[in-house]
C-alpha atoms as a PDB file:
ATOM      1  CA  MET A   1       0.325   0.242   0.282  1.00  0.00           C
ATOM      2  CA  TYR A   2       1.265   3.457  -0.539  1.00  0.00           C
ATOM      3  CA  ASP A   3       1.011   5.868   1.488  1.00  0.00           C
ATOM      4  CA  THR A   4      -0.843   9.379   0.282  1.00  0.00           C
ATOM      5  CA  THR A   5      -0.704  12.916   0.709  1.00  0.00           C
ATOM      6  CA  MET A   6      -1.420  16.660  -0.912  1.00  0.00           C
ATOM      7  CA  ALA A   7       0.868  18.941  -1.215  1.00  0.00           C
ATOM      8  CA  GLY A   8       0.525  22.813  -1.456  1.00  0.00           C
ATOM      9  CA  SER A   9      -2.513  25.306  -0.289  1.00  0.00           C
ATOM     10  CA  PHE A  10      -6.215  24.306  -0.141  1.00  0.00           C
ATOM     11  CA  TYR A  11      -8.409  26.731  -1.175  1.00  0.00           C
ATOM     12  CA  ARG A  12      -9.186  29.420   0.971  1.00  0.00           C
ATOM     13  CA  PRO A  13     -12.057  30.711   2.684  1.00  0.00           C
ATOM     14  CA  LYS A  14     -13.026  34.179   1.394  1.00  0.00           C
ATOM     15  CA  GLU A  15     -12.176  35.657   4.915  1.00  0.00           C
ATOM     16  CA  ILE A  16      -9.206  34.583   5.111  1.00  0.00           C
ATOM     17  CA  GLU A  17      -8.265  35.465   1.489  1.00  0.00           C
ATOM     18  CA  ASP A  18      -9.138  39.285   2.735  1.00  0.00           C
ATOM     19  CA  LEU A  19      -6.714  38.920   6.287  1.00  0.00           C
ATOM     20  CA  LEU A  20      -4.268  37.621   4.339  1.00  0.00           C
ATOM     21  CA  LYS A  21      -4.245  40.369   1.472  1.00  0.00           C
ATOM     22  CA  VAL A  22      -3.795  43.324   4.575  1.00  0.00           C
ATOM     23  CA  SER A  23      -0.988  41.182   5.746  1.00  0.00           C
ATOM     24  CA  GLY A  24       2.253  42.937   5.679  1.00  0.00           C
ATOM     25  CA  THR A  25       3.955  38.956   6.451  1.00  0.00           C
ATOM     26  CA  GLY A  26       1.928  37.002   4.134  1.00  0.00           C
ATOM     27  CA  GLU A  27       0.403  35.389   7.334  1.00  0.00           C
ATOM     28  CA  VAL A  28      -2.469  35.577   9.274  1.00  0.00           C
ATOM     29  CA  SER A  29      -1.810  37.062  12.653  1.00  0.00           C
ATOM     30  CA  GLU A  30      -2.589  35.529  16.231  1.00  0.00           C
ATOM     31  CA  LYS A  31      -5.406  38.092  16.767  1.00  0.00           C
ATOM     32  CA  ASP A  32      -7.448  36.266  14.396  1.00  0.00           C
ATOM     33  CA  GLU A  33      -7.340  33.027  15.539  1.00  0.00           C
ATOM     34  CA  LYS A  34     -10.532  31.967  15.220  1.00  0.00           C
ATOM     35  CA  PRO A  35     -11.798  32.013  11.593  1.00  0.00           C
ATOM     36  CA  ILE A  36      -8.147  30.514  10.702  1.00  0.00           C
ATOM     37  CA  LYS A  37      -8.791  27.618  13.385  1.00  0.00           C
ATOM     38  CA  SER A  38     -12.190  26.931  11.417  1.00  0.00           C
ATOM     39  CA  ALA A  39     -10.279  27.207   7.943  1.00  0.00           C
ATOM     40  CA  GLU A  40      -8.059  24.855   9.202  1.00  0.00           C
ATOM     41  CA  THR A  41     -10.159  22.356  10.853  1.00  0.00           C
ATOM     42  CA  LEU A  42     -12.287  22.499   7.411  1.00  0.00           C
ATOM     43  CA  ALA A  43      -8.822  21.796   5.283  1.00  0.00           C
ATOM     44  CA  VAL A  44      -8.099  18.926   7.380  1.00  0.00           C
ATOM     45  CA  SER A  45     -12.078  17.410   7.158  1.00  0.00           C
ATOM     46  CA  ASP A  46     -11.831  17.444   3.711  1.00  0.00           C
ATOM     47  CA  GLN A  47      -9.079  15.091   3.396  1.00  0.00           C
ATOM     48  CA  ILE A  48     -10.506  12.857   5.858  1.00  0.00           C
ATOM     49  CA  HIS A  49     -12.526   9.823   3.823  1.00  0.00           C
ATOM     50  CA  PRO A  50     -15.305   9.002   5.582  1.00  0.00           C
ATOM     51  CA  LEU A  51     -14.670   5.646   5.064  1.00  0.00           C
ATOM     52  CA  GLY A  52     -11.616   5.612   7.066  1.00  0.00           C
ATOM     53  CA  SER A  53      -8.002   6.021   6.340  1.00  0.00           C
ATOM     54  CA  LYS A  54      -7.981   2.424   4.134  1.00  0.00           C
ATOM     55  CA  VAL A  55     -10.001   4.936   0.999  1.00  0.00           C
ATOM     56  CA  GLY A  56      -8.387   8.279   2.291  1.00  0.00           C
ATOM     57  CA  LEU A  57      -5.015  10.189   2.595  1.00  0.00           C
ATOM     58  CA  SER A  58      -2.531   8.641   5.134  1.00  0.00           C
ATOM     59  CA  TRP A  59      -1.146  11.717   6.049  1.00  0.00           C
ATOM     60  CA  VAL A  60      -3.049  15.400   6.634  1.00  0.00           C
ATOM     61  CA  SER A  61      -2.189  18.551   6.643  1.00  0.00           C
ATOM     62  CA  ASN A  62      -3.692  22.119   7.598  1.00  0.00           C
ATOM     63  CA  GLY A  63      -3.652  23.164   3.692  1.00  0.00           C
ATOM     64  CA  ASP A  64      -1.245  26.197   4.684  1.00  0.00           C
ATOM     65  CA  GLN A  65      -4.326  28.609   5.739  1.00  0.00           C
ATOM     66  CA  ARG A  66      -1.962  30.794   7.208  1.00  0.00           C
ATOM     67  CA  LYS A  67      -0.051  31.191   5.086  1.00  0.00           C
ATOM     68  CA  SER A  68      -0.884  33.161   1.411  1.00  0.00           C
ATOM     69  CA  GLY A  69       1.852  31.163  -0.121  1.00  0.00           C
ATOM     70  CA  TYR A  70       5.464  30.222  -0.805  1.00  0.00           C
ATOM     71  CA  THR A  71       6.455  33.201  -2.915  1.00  0.00           C
ATOM     72  CA  THR A  72       5.988  35.764   0.084  1.00  0.00           C
ATOM     73  CA  TYR A  73       6.415  32.834   2.937  1.00  0.00           C
ATOM     74  CA  ILE A  74       9.809  32.010   2.553  1.00  0.00           C
ATOM     75  CA  PRO A  75      11.286  35.206   1.817  1.00  0.00           C
ATOM     76  CA  ASN A  76       9.366  36.851   4.667  1.00  0.00           C
ATOM     77  CA  ARG A  77      11.496  34.241   6.881  1.00  0.00           C
ATOM     78  CA  PHE A  78      14.875  34.243   5.504  1.00  0.00           C
ATOM     79  CA  SER A  79      17.326  36.547   4.063  1.00  0.00           C
ATOM     80  CA  GLY A  80      19.051  36.606   0.809  1.00  0.00           C
ATOM     81  CA  PHE A  81      15.980  37.526  -1.154  1.00  0.00           C
ATOM     82  CA  SER A  82      15.542  40.954  -3.038  1.00  0.00           C
ATOM     83  CA  SER A  83      13.038  42.299  -4.996  1.00  0.00           C
ATOM     84  CA  GLY A  84      14.670  44.517  -6.809  1.00  0.00           C
ATOM     85  CA  GLU A  85      17.622  42.727  -7.950  1.00  0.00           C
ATOM     86  CA  LYS A  86      17.692  40.167 -10.711  1.00  0.00           C
ATOM     87  CA  LYS A  87      19.977  37.983 -12.701  1.00  0.00           C
ATOM     88  CA  SER A  88      19.676  36.495 -15.856  1.00  0.00           C
ATOM     89  CA  HIS A  89      21.145  33.168 -16.564  1.00  0.00           C
ATOM     90  CA  SER A  90      21.915  31.963 -19.817  1.00  0.00           C
ATOM     91  CA  SER A  91      22.932  28.441 -21.035  1.00  0.00           C
ATOM     92  CA  SER A  92      24.083  27.347 -24.574  1.00  0.00           C
ATOM     93  CA  GLN A  93      23.331  23.815 -25.825  1.00  0.00           C
ATOM     94  CA  LYS A  94      27.099  23.056 -25.322  1.00  0.00           C
ATOM     95  CA  ASN A  95      25.699  22.524 -21.766  1.00  0.00           C
ATOM     96  CA  PHE A  96      22.780  19.501 -22.226  1.00  0.00           C
ATOM     97  CA  MET A  97      23.610  16.644 -23.340  1.00  0.00           C
ATOM     98  CA  MET A  98      21.974  15.490 -26.654  1.00  0.00           C
ATOM     99  CA  ASN A  99      20.732  12.292 -27.745  1.00  0.00           C
ATOM    100  CA  SER A 100      21.307  11.747 -31.422  1.00  0.00           C
END
């Protein structure tokens, strides 16, 4: 039997989307604990099959309800990211192995 899980974010209720839009960090603040707990409970319950784990997911998550997404969460938590500096990298075909 294979373990099954979901990766990424579940769809969020409009209330959570609105809270994330006004957040400067891309995360829901602790003062909004009640709606976030409700959204997490819904995300987890949507992953649990009514007949039990034999036909549902092996591992469940909170659906990343507290974070707006990877692209905002990581730069807000770690240094070394810049919104202004962009570097382009060029490559040529000689860098790739080609089958003929």
